[in-house]
Amino acid sequence: MGKKVVVGLTAAGFTVFTVYLAMFRHPPTAEILAANNREKQTIEKVHKPGDPDYDPYDEAEKSWNNFIIASGYVSIGSIYDKCDPSDRFTVGKVILMPDLVFGGVTSRIFVNISLNADITDGWFRIQVKYNGQDLYENNFEICFKDPSVPDSRRIIVCPITEGYKTYDRFLKVPRYIPKGRYTVKAWATDNTGEIFFCGFADFIL
């Protein structure tokens, strides 16, 4: 093999390595968490029904924020019962935390929600942007069950019976995705086409 070929291969390898470091090698976990720790860290008073300042929408948001602060979590998003910002109730939070099994970071979803009727059909939709540009979009039937995914890892498991529900799910953040800012919107509709779950996340890797 000639010297020019060797030099060329070496230069190409160095270029690939440089691109990897610049685009795909994530900062240390502590730095990622610090960069995403943007929410206020003050516990707020939560008013109860009957208090003059009671507002169920505000109190739900404050209760979830207080939970995040008291637990020492890093919030990267919220989950609501609707997508319309003028009329939505906070039912959950999305946090970013260290992945103690595989390294890097993982996300965790907490949801407390009350349903007025059973859900046996509907759609789940997701939109992801990377640095402000469309990256990924998909939709699928919420009751479709992929045999390769256990129920413990599914966000929604059908049928969903009416009443009060709590969810606590981990969603791995892939280590191979490039550094940058990601914004996510995901929502689900029920048998009638009404939205009953709408989540937003905004995080930096």
Protein backbone atom coordinates (compact mmCIF):
# COMPACT_ATOMS: atom_id res chain seq x y z
CA MET A 1 0.00 0.00 0.00
CA GLY A 2 1.47 3.34 -1.04
CA LYS A 3 2.18 6.20 1.31
CA LYS A 4 -0.53 8.36 -0.32
CA VAL A 5 -3.15 5.68 0.31
CA VAL A 6 -2.07 5.26 3.93
CA VAL A 7 -2.10 9.02 4.48
CA GLY A 8 -5.51 9.25 2.82
CA LEU A 9 -6.98 6.51 5.00
CA THR A 10 -5.47 8.06 8.11
CA ALA A 11 -6.93 11.47 7.22
CA ALA A 12 -10.34 9.93 6.54
CA GLY A 13 -10.26 8.08 9.83
CA PHE A 14 -9.31 11.23 11.69
CA THR A 15 -12.16 13.12 9.99
CA VAL A 16 -14.71 10.48 11.02
CA PHE A 17 -13.38 10.53 14.57
CA THR A 18 -13.57 14.33 14.67
CA VAL A 19 -17.17 14.29 13.40
CA TYR A 20 -18.05 11.69 16.01
CA LEU A 21 -16.61 13.82 18.81
CA ALA A 22 -18.32 16.95 17.53
CA MET A 23 -21.74 15.49 16.79
CA PHE A 24 -22.35 12.26 18.66
CA ARG A 25 -20.22 12.06 21.78
CA HIS A 26 -22.47 13.32 24.55
CA PRO A 27 -21.11 15.38 27.45
CA PRO A 28 -20.82 13.75 30.89
CA THR A 29 -24.17 12.97 32.52
CA ALA A 30 -23.76 15.69 35.16
CA GLU A 31 -23.27 18.33 32.44
CA ILE A 32 -26.36 17.16 30.53
CA LEU A 33 -28.49 17.34 33.67
CA ALA A 34 -27.13 20.78 34.58
CA ALA A 35 -27.88 22.10 31.08
CA ASN A 36 -31.49 20.94 31.39
CA ASN A 37 -32.11 22.11 34.95
CA ARG A 38 -33.96 25.25 33.89
CA GLU A 39 -37.08 25.19 36.10
CA LYS A 40 -37.47 27.34 39.18
CA GLN A 41 -36.47 25.64 42.41
CA THR A 42 -38.89 27.27 44.86
CA ILE A 43 -41.61 25.26 46.62
CA GLU A 44 -44.92 27.06 46.16
CA LYS A 45 -47.95 27.01 48.41
CA VAL A 46 -50.74 24.84 47.06
CA HIS A 47 -54.22 26.16 47.81
CA LYS A 48 -57.04 23.79 48.64
CA PRO A 49 -60.65 23.87 47.40
CA GLY A 50 -62.50 26.59 49.28
CA ASP A 51 -59.48 28.90 49.59
CA PRO A 52 -60.01 32.32 47.95
CA ASP A 53 -56.98 31.84 45.68
CA TYR A 54 -57.81 28.28 44.67
CA ASP A 55 -57.53 27.54 40.95
CA PRO A 56 -57.50 23.82 40.03
CA TYR A 57 -55.36 24.40 36.93
CA ASP A 58 -52.70 26.40 38.80
CA GLU A 59 -52.73 24.10 41.82
CA ALA A 60 -52.14 21.01 39.65
CA GLU A 61 -49.14 22.63 37.99
CA LYS A 62 -47.73 23.80 41.34
CA SER A 63 -48.23 20.37 42.92
CA TRP A 64 -46.27 18.68 40.15
CA ASN A 65 -43.52 21.31 40.27
CA ASN A 66 -43.25 20.88 44.04
CA PHE A 67 -42.95 17.12 43.56
CA ILE A 68 -40.10 17.59 41.06
CA ILE A 69 -38.22 20.00 43.36
CA ALA A 70 -38.70 17.92 46.50
CA SER A 71 -37.47 14.80 44.68
CA GLY A 72 -34.42 16.54 43.21
CA TYR A 73 -35.48 15.68 39.67
CA VAL A 74 -34.66 17.56 36.47
CA SER A 75 -37.89 18.29 34.60
CA ILE A 76 -37.82 18.45 30.80
CA GLY A 77 -41.54 18.54 30.11
CA SER A 78 -45.14 18.30 31.21
CA ILE A 79 -48.12 16.12 30.39
CA TYR A 80 -51.66 17.46 30.13
CA ASP A 81 -55.17 16.17 29.54
CA LYS A 82 -55.42 18.33 26.41
CA CYS A 83 -53.06 20.04 23.96
CA ASP A 84 -54.85 23.41 23.96
CA PRO A 85 -52.78 25.69 26.27
CA SER A 86 -55.85 27.78 27.11
CA ASP A 87 -57.74 24.85 28.62
CA ARG A 88 -55.53 22.06 29.87
CA PHE A 89 -54.89 20.37 33.21
CA THR A 90 -51.43 19.16 34.26
CA VAL A 91 -51.50 15.40 34.83
CA GLY A 92 -47.82 14.53 34.77
CA LYS A 93 -44.15 15.36 34.28
CA VAL A 94 -41.24 14.16 32.18
CA ILE A 95 -37.82 14.09 33.84
CA LEU A 96 -34.25 13.40 32.76
CA MET A 97 -32.06 11.29 35.03
CA PRO A 98 -28.88 9.20 34.99
CA ASP A 99 -29.18 5.75 33.45
CA LEU A 100 -27.55 3.62 36.13
CA VAL A 101 -27.72 0.45 34.00
CA PHE A 102 -26.41 1.47 30.56
CA GLY A 103 -24.85 4.85 31.30
CA GLY A 104 -25.80 8.20 29.85
CA VAL A 105 -29.26 9.55 30.59
CA THR A 106 -32.78 8.21 30.46
CA SER A 107 -36.19 9.85 30.67
CA ARG A 108 -38.93 8.98 33.11
CA ILE A 109 -42.64 9.75 32.83
CA PHE A 110 -44.99 10.25 35.77
CA VAL A 111 -48.74 10.48 35.09
CA ASN A 112 -51.81 10.65 37.32
CA ILE A 113 -54.99 10.80 35.28
CA SER A 114 -58.73 10.18 35.67
CA LEU A 115 -60.74 8.74 32.79
CA ASN A 116 -64.51 8.98 32.47
CA ALA A 117 -64.87 5.93 30.22
CA ASP A 118 -62.99 2.84 29.08
CA ILE A 119 -60.58 3.30 26.17
CA THR A 120 -60.37 0.36 23.80
CA ASP A 121 -59.27 2.11 20.63
CA GLY A 122 -57.51 5.29 19.50
CA TRP A 123 -54.29 6.70 18.11
CA PHE A 124 -50.95 7.79 19.51
CA ARG A 125 -49.03 10.46 17.60
CA ILE A 126 -45.53 11.83 18.10
CA GLN A 127 -43.52 14.67 16.55
CA VAL A 128 -39.80 15.25 17.22
CA LYS A 129 -37.71 18.24 16.20
CA TYR A 130 -33.92 18.49 16.31
CA ASN A 131 -32.46 21.99 16.61
CA GLY A 132 -35.78 23.35 15.35
CA GLN A 133 -35.98 21.10 12.29
CA ASP A 134 -38.42 18.24 11.75
CA LEU A 135 -36.68 14.97 12.64
CA TYR A 136 -39.30 12.28 13.19
CA GLU A 137 -43.06 11.89 13.03
CA ASN A 138 -45.20 8.80 13.45
CA ASN A 139 -48.61 7.57 14.54
CA PHE A 140 -49.99 4.18 15.47
CA GLU A 141 -52.99 2.55 17.06
CA ILE A 142 -52.68 2.74 20.83
CA CYS A 143 -54.04 -0.76 21.30
CA PHE A 144 -51.64 -2.39 18.83
CA LYS A 145 -49.36 -4.65 20.85
CA ASP A 146 -45.83 -5.30 19.61
CA PRO A 147 -44.92 -8.74 21.03
CA SER A 148 -41.28 -7.64 21.35
CA VAL A 149 -42.18 -4.84 23.81
CA PRO A 150 -43.27 -5.93 27.32
CA ASP A 151 -46.19 -4.12 28.97
CA SER A 152 -43.81 -2.70 31.58
CA ARG A 153 -42.12 -0.63 28.85
CA ARG A 154 -45.30 0.49 27.07
CA ILE A 155 -46.70 3.94 27.83
CA ILE A 156 -50.24 2.80 27.08
CA VAL A 157 -51.59 -0.70 27.67
CA CYS A 158 -55.10 -1.49 26.41
CA PRO A 159 -57.81 -1.70 27.42
CA ILE A 160 -57.57 1.36 29.67
CA THR A 161 -60.44 1.17 32.13
CA GLU A 162 -62.18 4.24 33.46
CA GLY A 163 -61.16 5.75 36.78
CA TYR A 164 -57.98 7.03 38.37
CA LYS A 165 -54.70 5.79 36.87
CA THR A 166 -51.04 6.26 37.74
CA TYR A 167 -48.13 5.60 35.40
CA ASP A 168 -44.39 5.53 35.99
CA ARG A 169 -42.40 4.64 32.88
CA PHE A 170 -38.76 4.83 31.79
CA LEU A 171 -37.92 5.74 28.19
CA LYS A 172 -34.28 5.31 27.18
CA VAL A 173 -32.54 8.23 25.45
CA PRO A 174 -30.40 6.58 22.74
CA ARG A 175 -26.68 7.27 23.06
CA TYR A 176 -26.22 7.30 19.28
CA ILE A 177 -28.37 10.37 18.56
CA PRO A 178 -26.40 13.58 17.91
CA LYS A 179 -25.86 16.36 20.41
CA GLY A 180 -28.29 19.25 20.23
CA ARG A 181 -31.73 20.38 21.30
CA TYR A 182 -34.74 18.09 20.98
CA THR A 183 -38.39 19.06 21.32
CA VAL A 184 -41.08 16.41 21.46
CA LYS A 185 -44.85 16.52 21.28
CA ALA A 186 -46.89 13.36 21.80
CA TRP A 187 -50.62 12.94 22.19
CA ALA A 188 -53.24 10.20 22.27
CA THR A 189 -56.90 10.09 21.29
CA ASP A 190 -59.65 7.82 22.57
CA ASN A 191 -62.44 5.85 20.87
CA THR A 192 -64.26 9.08 19.97
CA GLY A 193 -61.21 10.93 18.66
CA GLU A 194 -60.92 13.15 21.73
CA ILE A 195 -57.44 13.87 23.12
CA PHE A 196 -56.94 12.50 26.62
CA PHE A 197 -53.15 12.74 26.88
CA CYS A 198 -50.79 15.40 25.51
CA GLY A 199 -47.13 15.63 26.45
CA PHE A 200 -44.34 18.05 25.65
CA ALA A 201 -40.60 17.69 26.28
CA ASP A 202 -37.67 19.98 25.56
CA PHE A 203 -34.12 18.85 26.34
CA ILE A 204 -30.48 19.32 25.36
CA LEU A 205 -27.84 16.64 24.84
